[in-house]
C-alpha atoms as a PDB file:
ATOM      1  CA  MET A   1      22.780 -32.136 -20.630  1.00  0.00           C
ATOM      2  CA  LYS A   2      25.114 -29.266 -19.789  1.00  0.00           C
ATOM      3  CA  ALA A   3      24.295 -27.191 -16.701  1.00  0.00           C
ATOM      4  CA  ASP A   4      25.223 -23.339 -15.802  1.00  0.00           C
ATOM      5  CA  LEU A   5      24.336 -22.959 -11.773  1.00  0.00           C
ATOM      6  CA  HIS A   6      25.458 -19.262 -11.625  1.00  0.00           C
ATOM      7  CA  ILE A   7      23.965 -16.670 -13.778  1.00  0.00           C
ATOM      8  CA  HIS A   8      22.794 -13.260 -13.128  1.00  0.00           C
ATOM      9  CA  SER A   9      19.754 -11.243 -14.451  1.00  0.00           C
ATOM     10  CA  ILE A  10      18.296  -8.053 -14.645  1.00  0.00           C
ATOM     11  CA  TYR A  11      16.792  -8.410 -10.984  1.00  0.00           C
ATOM     12  CA  SER A  12      20.167  -7.830 -10.007  1.00  0.00           C
ATOM     13  CA  ASP A  13      23.117  -6.634 -12.109  1.00  0.00           C
ATOM     14  CA  SER A  14      23.118  -8.277 -15.504  1.00  0.00           C
ATOM     15  CA  SER A  15      21.932  -6.760 -18.794  1.00  0.00           C
ATOM     16  CA  ARG A  16      19.768 -10.223 -19.526  1.00  0.00           C
ATOM     17  CA  SER A  17      16.133 -10.987 -18.487  1.00  0.00           C
ATOM     18  CA  PRO A  18      15.253 -14.305 -17.705  1.00  0.00           C
ATOM     19  CA  GLU A  19      13.389 -14.765 -20.718  1.00  0.00           C
ATOM     20  CA  GLU A  20      16.972 -14.080 -22.828  1.00  0.00           C
ATOM     21  CA  ILE A  21      18.674 -16.391 -20.318  1.00  0.00           C
ATOM     22  CA  VAL A  22      16.358 -19.290 -20.887  1.00  0.00           C
ATOM     23  CA  ALA A  23      16.625 -18.658 -24.737  1.00  0.00           C
ATOM     24  CA  LEU A  24      20.293 -18.069 -24.753  1.00  0.00           C
ATOM     25  CA  ALA A  25      20.824 -21.301 -22.640  1.00  0.00           C
ATOM     26  CA  LYS A  26      18.608 -23.441 -24.857  1.00  0.00           C
ATOM     27  CA  LYS A  27      20.700 -22.282 -28.012  1.00  0.00           C
ATOM     28  CA  ARG A  28      23.982 -23.464 -25.940  1.00  0.00           C
ATOM     29  CA  LYS A  29      22.353 -26.909 -25.137  1.00  0.00           C
ATOM     30  CA  VAL A  30      22.317 -26.052 -21.409  1.00  0.00           C
ATOM     31  CA  GLY A  31      19.354 -28.153 -19.695  1.00  0.00           C
ATOM     32  CA  LEU A  32      19.756 -27.132 -16.033  1.00  0.00           C
ATOM     33  CA  LEU A  33      20.321 -23.543 -14.998  1.00  0.00           C
ATOM     34  CA  SER A  34      20.011 -21.469 -11.651  1.00  0.00           C
ATOM     35  CA  ILE A  35      19.696 -17.597 -11.634  1.00  0.00           C
ATOM     36  CA  CYS A  36      21.824 -16.660  -8.423  1.00  0.00           C
ATOM     37  CA  ASP A  37      21.176 -12.953  -8.573  1.00  0.00           C
ATOM     38  CA  HIS A  38      22.661 -10.914  -5.786  1.00  0.00           C
ATOM     39  CA  ALA A  39      20.466 -10.607  -2.732  1.00  0.00           C
ATOM     40  CA  THR A  40      17.196 -11.274  -4.769  1.00  0.00           C
ATOM     41  CA  ILE A  41      15.182 -14.295  -5.874  1.00  0.00           C
ATOM     42  CA  ASP A  42      12.699 -12.034  -7.740  1.00  0.00           C
ATOM     43  CA  ALA A  43      13.671 -13.726 -11.152  1.00  0.00           C
ATOM     44  CA  TYR A  44      11.738 -16.861  -9.498  1.00  0.00           C
ATOM     45  CA  SER A  45       8.520 -14.816  -9.917  1.00  0.00           C
ATOM     46  CA  VAL A  46       9.118 -15.541 -13.725  1.00  0.00           C
ATOM     47  CA  LEU A  47      11.608 -18.295 -14.673  1.00  0.00           C
ATOM     48  CA  PRO A  48       9.747 -21.390 -13.429  1.00  0.00           C
ATOM     49  CA  GLU A  49       7.059 -20.597 -16.152  1.00  0.00           C
ATOM     50  CA  ILE A  50       9.530 -19.663 -18.378  1.00  0.00           C
ATOM     51  CA  CYS A  51      11.717 -22.964 -17.892  1.00  0.00           C
ATOM     52  CA  ARG A  52       8.502 -25.285 -18.175  1.00  0.00           C
ATOM     53  CA  ASP A  53       7.542 -23.699 -21.700  1.00  0.00           C
ATOM     54  CA  ASN A  54      11.025 -24.276 -22.930  1.00  0.00           C
ATOM     55  CA  GLY A  55      11.522 -27.767 -21.433  1.00  0.00           C
ATOM     56  CA  MET A  56      14.664 -26.113 -19.179  1.00  0.00           C
ATOM     57  CA  GLU A  57      15.041 -27.388 -15.642  1.00  0.00           C
ATOM     58  CA  TYR A  58      16.188 -25.222 -13.008  1.00  0.00           C
ATOM     59  CA  VAL A  59      17.241 -24.709  -9.341  1.00  0.00           C
ATOM     60  CA  MET A  60      16.509 -21.872  -7.064  1.00  0.00           C
ATOM     61  CA  GLY A  61      19.682 -19.910  -5.863  1.00  0.00           C
ATOM     62  CA  VAL A  62      20.931 -16.803  -4.745  1.00  0.00           C
ATOM     63  CA  GLU A  63      24.284 -15.420  -3.997  1.00  0.00           C
ATOM     64  CA  LEU A  64      24.708 -13.678  -0.670  1.00  0.00           C
ATOM     65  CA  GLU A  65      27.742 -12.511   1.270  1.00  0.00           C
ATOM     66  CA  VAL A  66      29.141 -13.661   4.371  1.00  0.00           C
ATOM     67  CA  LEU A  67      32.146 -12.997   6.826  1.00  0.00           C
ATOM     68  CA  TRP A  68      34.927 -15.225   7.357  1.00  0.00           C
ATOM     69  CA  GLU A  69      38.027 -14.012   9.339  1.00  0.00           C
ATOM     70  CA  GLY A  70      37.097 -10.793   8.835  1.00  0.00           C
ATOM     71  CA  GLU A  71      36.567 -10.683   5.168  1.00  0.00           C
ATOM     72  CA  GLY A  72      33.444 -10.642   2.944  1.00  0.00           C
ATOM     73  CA  LEU A  73      32.874 -13.818   1.052  1.00  0.00           C
ATOM     74  CA  HIS A  74      30.316 -14.766  -1.577  1.00  0.00           C
ATOM     75  CA  MET A  75      28.161 -17.724  -0.957  1.00  0.00           C
ATOM     76  CA  LEU A  76      25.440 -19.410  -3.165  1.00  0.00           C
ATOM     77  CA  ALA A  77      22.470 -21.190  -1.387  1.00  0.00           C
ATOM     78  CA  TYR A  78      20.590 -23.496  -3.341  1.00  0.00           C
ATOM     79  CA  ASN A  79      16.899 -25.370  -3.436  1.00  0.00           C
ATOM     80  CA  PHE A  80      16.053 -23.472  -0.173  1.00  0.00           C
ATOM     81  CA  ASP A  81      12.326 -22.905   0.858  1.00  0.00           C
ATOM     82  CA  LYS A  82      11.766 -19.413  -1.001  1.00  0.00           C
ATOM     83  CA  ASP A  83       8.937 -18.974   2.001  1.00  0.00           C
ATOM     84  CA  ASN A  84      11.402 -19.355   5.018  1.00  0.00           C
ATOM     85  CA  GLU A  85      10.920 -16.350   7.127  1.00  0.00           C
ATOM     86  CA  GLU A  86      14.674 -16.224   8.274  1.00  0.00           C
ATOM     87  CA  MET A  87      15.963 -16.453   4.870  1.00  0.00           C
ATOM     88  CA  LYS A  88      13.512 -13.744   3.426  1.00  0.00           C
ATOM     89  CA  ALA A  89      14.594 -11.712   6.143  1.00  0.00           C
ATOM     90  CA  PHE A  90      18.089 -11.797   5.820  1.00  0.00           C
ATOM     91  CA  ILE A  91      17.839 -11.804   1.954  1.00  0.00           C
ATOM     92  CA  ASP A  92      15.904  -8.577   2.057  1.00  0.00           C
ATOM     93  CA  LYS A  93      18.481  -6.910   4.475  1.00  0.00           C
ATOM     94  CA  GLN A  94      21.377  -7.948   2.257  1.00  0.00           C
ATOM     95  CA  TYR A  95      18.984  -6.643  -0.871  1.00  0.00           C
ATOM     96  CA  LYS A  96      18.753  -3.011   0.691  1.00  0.00           C
ATOM     97  CA  ALA A  97      22.409  -3.166   1.460  1.00  0.00           C
ATOM     98  CA  VAL A  98      22.933  -4.028  -2.456  1.00  0.00           C
ATOM     99  CA  ALA A  99      21.023  -0.645  -2.940  1.00  0.00           C
ATOM    100  CA  CYS A 100      24.226   0.892  -2.255  1.00  0.00           C
ATOM    101  CA  GLU A 101      22.264   4.303  -0.508  1.00  0.00           C
ATOM    102  CA  TYR A 102      25.624   4.661   1.427  1.00  0.00           C
ATOM    103  CA  ILE A 103      27.513   5.416  -1.940  1.00  0.00           C
ATOM    104  CA  VAL A 104      25.042   7.718  -3.081  1.00  0.00           C
ATOM    105  CA  TYR A 105      25.408   9.409   0.466  1.00  0.00           C
ATOM    106  CA  ASN A 106      29.110   9.581  -0.243  1.00  0.00           C
ATOM    107  CA  MET A 107      28.698  11.416  -3.530  1.00  0.00           C
ATOM    108  CA  MET A 108      26.432  14.103  -2.032  1.00  0.00           C
ATOM    109  CA  ARG A 109      29.225  16.022  -1.071  1.00  0.00           C
ATOM    110  CA  ASP A 110      30.484  16.253  -4.539  1.00  0.00           C
ATOM    111  CA  TYR A 111      27.169  16.385  -6.152  1.00  0.00           C
ATOM    112  CA  PRO A 112      24.503  18.468  -4.327  1.00  0.00           C
ATOM    113  CA  GLN A 113      21.937  17.584  -6.852  1.00  0.00           C
ATOM    114  CA  MET A 114      21.395  13.859  -5.369  1.00  0.00           C
ATOM    115  CA  SER A 115      19.588  13.181  -2.574  1.00  0.00           C
ATOM    116  CA  LEU A 116      19.119   9.816  -0.414  1.00  0.00           C
ATOM    117  CA  GLU A 117      15.282  10.801  -0.745  1.00  0.00           C
ATOM    118  CA  GLU A 118      15.235  11.252  -4.403  1.00  0.00           C
ATOM    119  CA  TYR A 119      17.269   8.015  -4.536  1.00  0.00           C
ATOM    120  CA  ARG A 120      14.727   6.064  -2.761  1.00  0.00           C
ATOM    121  CA  ARG A 121      12.153   7.410  -5.362  1.00  0.00           C
ATOM    122  CA  PHE A 122      14.048   6.691  -8.496  1.00  0.00           C
ATOM    123  CA  SER A 123      13.246   4.037 -10.787  1.00  0.00           C
ATOM    124  CA  TYR A 124      14.582   3.088 -14.057  1.00  0.00           C
ATOM    125  CA  PRO A 125      13.207   0.448 -16.794  1.00  0.00           C
ATOM    126  CA  LYS A 126      14.086  -2.854 -15.554  1.00  0.00           C
ATOM    127  CA  GLU A 127      14.833  -3.963 -18.760  1.00  0.00           C
ATOM    128  CA  LYS A 128      18.072  -1.842 -18.816  1.00  0.00           C
ATOM    129  CA  GLY A 129      19.733  -4.097 -15.898  1.00  0.00           C
ATOM    130  CA  GLY A 130      22.575  -3.335 -13.677  1.00  0.00           C
ATOM    131  CA  TRP A 131      22.758  -1.173 -10.429  1.00  0.00           C
ATOM    132  CA  LYS A 132      19.947   1.304  -9.270  1.00  0.00           C
ATOM    133  CA  TYR A 133      22.849   3.892  -7.832  1.00  0.00           C
ATOM    134  CA  LEU A 134      24.813   3.589 -11.267  1.00  0.00           C
ATOM    135  CA  HIS A 135      21.637   4.628 -13.387  1.00  0.00           C
ATOM    136  CA  TYR A 136      20.858   7.450 -10.662  1.00  0.00           C
ATOM    137  CA  ALA A 137      24.513   8.731 -11.196  1.00  0.00           C
ATOM    138  CA  VAL A 138      23.976   8.778 -15.097  1.00  0.00           C
ATOM    139  CA  ALA A 139      20.375  10.445 -14.598  1.00  0.00           C
ATOM    140  CA  LYS A 140      22.107  13.085 -12.057  1.00  0.00           C
ATOM    141  CA  GLY A 141      25.379  14.046 -14.416  1.00  0.00           C
ATOM    142  CA  ALA A 142      27.750  11.843 -12.458  1.00  0.00           C
ATOM    143  CA  ALA A 143      28.890  10.019 -15.357  1.00  0.00           C
ATOM    144  CA  LYS A 144      27.970  10.206 -19.171  1.00  0.00           C
ATOM    145  CA  THR A 145      26.918   6.437 -19.423  1.00  0.00           C
ATOM    146  CA  TYR A 146      26.190   3.666 -17.137  1.00  0.00           C
ATOM    147  CA  GLU A 147      29.682   2.071 -18.467  1.00  0.00           C
ATOM    148  CA  GLU A 148      31.811   5.082 -17.129  1.00  0.00           C
ATOM    149  CA  ALA A 149      29.996   5.131 -13.844  1.00  0.00           C
ATOM    150  CA  ASN A 150      30.581   1.292 -13.346  1.00  0.00           C
ATOM    151  CA  GLU A 151      34.433   1.935 -13.911  1.00  0.00           C
ATOM    152  CA  THR A 152      34.701   5.039 -11.783  1.00  0.00           C
ATOM    153  CA  ILE A 153      32.271   5.494  -8.896  1.00  0.00           C
ATOM    154  CA  TYR A 154      32.334   2.450  -6.758  1.00  0.00           C
ATOM    155  CA  CYS A 155      36.388   2.994  -6.361  1.00  0.00           C
ATOM    156  CA  ARG A 156      35.661   6.599  -5.518  1.00  0.00           C
ATOM    157  CA  TYR A 157      32.608   6.317  -3.299  1.00  0.00           C
ATOM    158  CA  GLY A 158      32.489   2.641  -2.017  1.00  0.00           C
ATOM    159  CA  THR A 159      34.203   3.326   1.425  1.00  0.00           C
ATOM    160  CA  PRO A 160      31.464   2.155   3.759  1.00  0.00           C
ATOM    161  CA  ASN A 161      29.845   4.655   6.383  1.00  0.00           C
ATOM    162  CA  HIS A 162      27.116   4.593   8.923  1.00  0.00           C
ATOM    163  CA  LEU A 163      24.445   3.863   6.548  1.00  0.00           C
ATOM    164  CA  SER A 164      26.278   0.501   5.171  1.00  0.00           C
ATOM    165  CA  ASP A 165      24.558  -2.118   7.087  1.00  0.00           C
ATOM    166  CA  PHE A 166      24.992  -5.348   5.051  1.00  0.00           C
ATOM    167  CA  GLY A 167      23.186  -7.483   7.051  1.00  0.00           C
ATOM    168  CA  GLU A 168      26.214  -9.348   7.573  1.00  0.00           C
ATOM    169  CA  CYS A 169      26.486 -12.906   9.470  1.00  0.00           C
ATOM    170  CA  ASN A 170      29.228 -15.276   9.590  1.00  0.00           C
ATOM    171  CA  MET A 171      29.855 -18.222   7.774  1.00  0.00           C
ATOM    172  CA  THR A 172      28.879 -20.510  10.417  1.00  0.00           C
ATOM    173  CA  ASP A 173      25.523 -18.751  11.149  1.00  0.00           C
ATOM    174  CA  PHE A 174      24.886 -18.419   7.164  1.00  0.00           C
ATOM    175  CA  CYS A 175      25.494 -21.757   6.697  1.00  0.00           C
ATOM    176  CA  ARG A 176      23.108 -23.349   9.743  1.00  0.00           C
ATOM    177  CA  MET A 177      20.279 -20.519   8.661  1.00  0.00           C
ATOM    178  CA  VAL A 178      20.424 -22.283   5.107  1.00  0.00           C
ATOM    179  CA  ARG A 179      20.219 -25.579   6.029  1.00  0.00           C
ATOM    180  CA  ARG A 180      17.332 -24.793   8.324  1.00  0.00           C
ATOM    181  CA  ALA A 181      15.750 -23.532   5.414  1.00  0.00           C
ATOM    182  CA  GLY A 182      16.125 -26.756   3.693  1.00  0.00           C
ATOM    183  CA  GLY A 183      18.922 -25.719   1.188  1.00  0.00           C
ATOM    184  CA  VAL A 184      22.554 -26.053   0.316  1.00  0.00           C
ATOM    185  CA  PRO A 185      25.144 -23.420   1.150  1.00  0.00           C
ATOM    186  CA  VAL A 186      27.835 -23.535  -1.504  1.00  0.00           C
ATOM    187  CA  LEU A 187      31.133 -21.694  -1.461  1.00  0.00           C
ATOM    188  CA  ALA A 188      31.334 -19.294  -4.530  1.00  0.00           C
ATOM    189  CA  HIS A 189      34.429 -18.917  -7.033  1.00  0.00           C
ATOM    190  CA  PRO A 190      37.085 -19.592  -4.394  1.00  0.00           C
ATOM    191  CA  GLY A 191      39.876 -19.213  -7.186  1.00  0.00           C
ATOM    192  CA  TYR A 192      40.984 -15.849  -6.026  1.00  0.00           C
ATOM    193  CA  LEU A 193      41.813 -17.554  -2.462  1.00  0.00           C
ATOM    194  CA  TYR A 194      43.826 -20.136  -4.096  1.00  0.00           C
ATOM    195  CA  GLU A 195      46.058 -17.611  -6.111  1.00  0.00           C
ATOM    196  CA  ARG A 196      46.375 -15.660  -2.767  1.00  0.00           C
ATOM    197  CA  TYR A 197      47.429 -18.514  -0.441  1.00  0.00           C
ATOM    198  CA  PRO A 198      48.145 -21.752  -2.512  1.00  0.00           C
ATOM    199  CA  ASP A 199      50.075 -23.507   0.076  1.00  0.00           C
ATOM    200  CA  GLY A 200      46.853 -22.790   2.812  1.00  0.00           C
ATOM    201  CA  PHE A 201      44.145 -23.449   0.384  1.00  0.00           C
ATOM    202  CA  ALA A 202      43.329 -26.909   1.113  1.00  0.00           C
ATOM    203  CA  ALA A 203      43.629 -25.902   5.001  1.00  0.00           C
ATOM    204  CA  MET A 204      41.482 -23.136   4.371  1.00  0.00           C
ATOM    205  CA  LEU A 205      38.509 -25.440   2.817  1.00  0.00           C
ATOM    206  CA  SER A 206      38.737 -27.710   5.504  1.00  0.00           C
ATOM    207  CA  GLU A 207      38.135 -24.391   8.261  1.00  0.00           C
ATOM    208  CA  MET A 208      34.972 -23.354   5.964  1.00  0.00           C
ATOM    209  CA  ARG A 209      34.073 -27.293   5.948  1.00  0.00           C
ATOM    210  CA  MET A 210      34.013 -27.105   9.508  1.00  0.00           C
ATOM    211  CA  CYS A 211      31.851 -23.869   9.457  1.00  0.00           C
ATOM    212  CA  GLY A 212      29.297 -25.683   7.401  1.00  0.00           C
ATOM    213  CA  ILE A 213      29.802 -25.330   3.687  1.00  0.00           C
ATOM    214  CA  GLU A 214      28.529 -28.346   1.977  1.00  0.00           C
ATOM    215  CA  GLY A 215      29.742 -27.836  -1.574  1.00  0.00           C
ATOM    216  CA  ILE A 216      32.150 -25.660  -3.476  1.00  0.00           C
ATOM    217  CA  GLU A 217      31.866 -23.758  -7.091  1.00  0.00           C
ATOM    218  CA  CYS A 218      34.791 -25.908  -8.867  1.00  0.00           C
ATOM    219  CA  TYR A 219      34.102 -25.207 -12.213  1.00  0.00           C
ATOM    220  CA  TYR A 220      34.136 -21.230 -12.785  1.00  0.00           C
ATOM    221  CA  PRO A 221      35.684 -19.140 -16.019  1.00  0.00           C
ATOM    222  CA  SER A 222      38.744 -17.699 -14.133  1.00  0.00           C
ATOM    223  CA  HIS A 223      39.606 -20.887 -12.466  1.00  0.00           C
ATOM    224  CA  SER A 224      42.982 -22.720 -13.613  1.00  0.00           C
ATOM    225  CA  LYS A 225      43.188 -26.492 -13.960  1.00  0.00           C
ATOM    226  CA  ASP A 226      44.938 -26.559 -10.486  1.00  0.00           C
ATOM    227  CA  VAL A 227      42.269 -24.440  -8.720  1.00  0.00           C
ATOM    228  CA  THR A 228      39.624 -26.764 -10.496  1.00  0.00           C
ATOM    229  CA  ASP A 229      41.345 -30.079  -9.544  1.00  0.00           C
ATOM    230  CA  VAL A 230      41.678 -28.767  -6.063  1.00  0.00           C
ATOM    231  CA  CYS A 231      38.454 -28.142  -5.196  1.00  0.00           C
ATOM    232  CA  VAL A 232      36.998 -31.104  -7.030  1.00  0.00           C
ATOM    233  CA  ASP A 233      39.345 -33.510  -5.136  1.00  0.00           C
ATOM    234  CA  PHE A 234      38.576 -31.863  -1.778  1.00  0.00           C
ATOM    235  CA  CYS A 235      34.937 -32.405  -2.518  1.00  0.00           C
ATOM    236  CA  LYS A 236      35.422 -36.085  -3.641  1.00  0.00           C
ATOM    237  CA  LYS A 237      37.146 -36.618  -0.649  1.00  0.00           C
ATOM    238  CA  ASN A 238      34.961 -34.880   1.816  1.00  0.00           C
ATOM    239  CA  ASN A 239      31.591 -36.133   0.560  1.00  0.00           C
ATOM    240  CA  MET A 240      30.606 -32.080  -0.658  1.00  0.00           C
ATOM    241  CA  ARG A 241      28.663 -30.891  -3.329  1.00  0.00           C
ATOM    242  CA  ILE A 242      30.396 -30.234  -6.499  1.00  0.00           C
ATOM    243  CA  THR A 243      28.853 -26.910  -8.320  1.00  0.00           C
ATOM    244  CA  GLY A 244      30.003 -24.801 -11.291  1.00  0.00           C
ATOM    245  CA  GLY A 245      28.840 -21.825 -13.494  1.00  0.00           C
ATOM    246  CA  CYS A 246      29.628 -19.077 -15.590  1.00  0.00           C
ATOM    247  CA  ASP A 247      28.476 -15.956 -13.551  1.00  0.00           C
ATOM    248  CA  CYS A 248      27.075 -14.419 -16.352  1.00  0.00           C
ATOM    249  CA  HIS A 249      26.228 -10.723 -16.031  1.00  0.00           C
ATOM    250  CA  GLY A 250      24.984 -10.294 -19.624  1.00  0.00           C
ATOM    251  CA  GLU A 251      26.522  -7.449 -21.654  1.00  0.00           C
ATOM    252  CA  PHE A 252      27.855  -5.859 -18.633  1.00  0.00           C
ATOM    253  CA  ASP A 253      30.760  -8.419 -18.453  1.00  0.00           C
ATOM    254  CA  LYS A 254      32.371  -9.533 -21.551  1.00  0.00           C
ATOM    255  CA  SER A 255      35.172 -11.278 -20.050  1.00  0.00           C
ATOM    256  CA  GLU A 256      36.175 -14.560 -21.949  1.00  0.00           C
ATOM    257  CA  GLY A 257      33.882 -17.381 -20.188  1.00  0.00           C
ATOM    258  CA  PHE A 258      31.365 -15.286 -18.316  1.00  0.00           C
ATOM    259  CA  SER A 259      28.714 -16.029 -20.746  1.00  0.00           C
ATOM    260  CA  VAL A 260      25.493 -18.409 -20.337  1.00  0.00           C
ATOM    261  CA  GLY A 261      26.878 -22.320 -21.012  1.00  0.00           C
ATOM    262  CA  ALA A 262      30.356 -21.001 -22.090  1.00  0.00           C
ATOM    263  CA  LEU A 263      31.747 -23.702 -19.608  1.00  0.00           C
ATOM    264  CA  ASP A 264      31.263 -27.372 -20.911  1.00  0.00           C
ATOM    265  CA  ILE A 265      29.845 -28.590 -17.540  1.00  0.00           C
ATOM    266  CA  SER A 266      27.743 -31.701 -17.757  1.00  0.00           C
ATOM    267  CA  LEU A 267      25.854 -32.956 -15.223  1.00  0.00           C
ATOM    268  CA  SER A 268      28.418 -35.844 -14.790  1.00  0.00           C
ATOM    269  CA  MET A 269      30.994 -33.616 -13.715  1.00  0.00           C
ATOM    270  CA  LEU A 270      28.865 -32.406 -10.780  1.00  0.00           C
ATOM    271  CA  ASP A 271      27.224 -33.767  -7.158  1.00  0.00           C
ATOM    272  CA  LEU A 272      24.133 -32.057  -6.720  1.00  0.00           C
ATOM    273  CA  ARG A 273      22.810 -34.183  -3.944  1.00  0.00           C
ATOM    274  CA  GLY A 274      20.212 -32.086  -2.344  1.00  0.00           C
ATOM    275  CA  ILE A 275      20.183 -29.489  -4.818  1.00  0.00           C
ATOM    276  CA  LEU A 276      18.629 -31.356  -7.734  1.00  0.00           C
END
């Protein structure tokens, strides 16, 4: 059985619905999947039934941001109690930040036709997927297409301001919270850290392990063989979970490998204790 434990849906920033994700996963022989949307688990309002109807297994997941050494890092939380009040509150706080009101606020100086009040009321068809602020920018004439908005707006207006409370917490507190909710905290796609600090990468993982991470997303489309080998070896030596996924964003990211089931990840390659 193939697994893909990092997929995004229209409930955050992908172009694919849960129905489309499951259909594509089935076509590509993926038998176990996890939708890990940014700061929302709304996809799980429909995913269990879709998976059941298609003979597919799933694991609840979400992708969230934490602070480590003053830098924002992405973490995956798996198999936690979705009704845990502490997790619900944290996810909700980050979701409000993901709505990117601060970007709209920054854009208002150049586009007086925009307003936060209107943005908060703004809606768009969910089947379009993607970020709300980018659809709003197109609707208000700040860009001609979603693709153009995606390429130009964040780099110009993404500087945080007084509106940008990301509900941040440090890695230690985050890991403790996930464990209290019965879940497993996993470091997401750390390959860029290896590329930045190749000689200190293993020591960095050791420090993060002390902070409470219980697993690493070892298999990832942009990971080199060296990154994967180091991560897998570290997990095995430290009795940690081994996960992997393609981080698929549908048509919004056509980079090689970043599509459902593009990596040939079998269950035998993973360590999913407490996750599956």
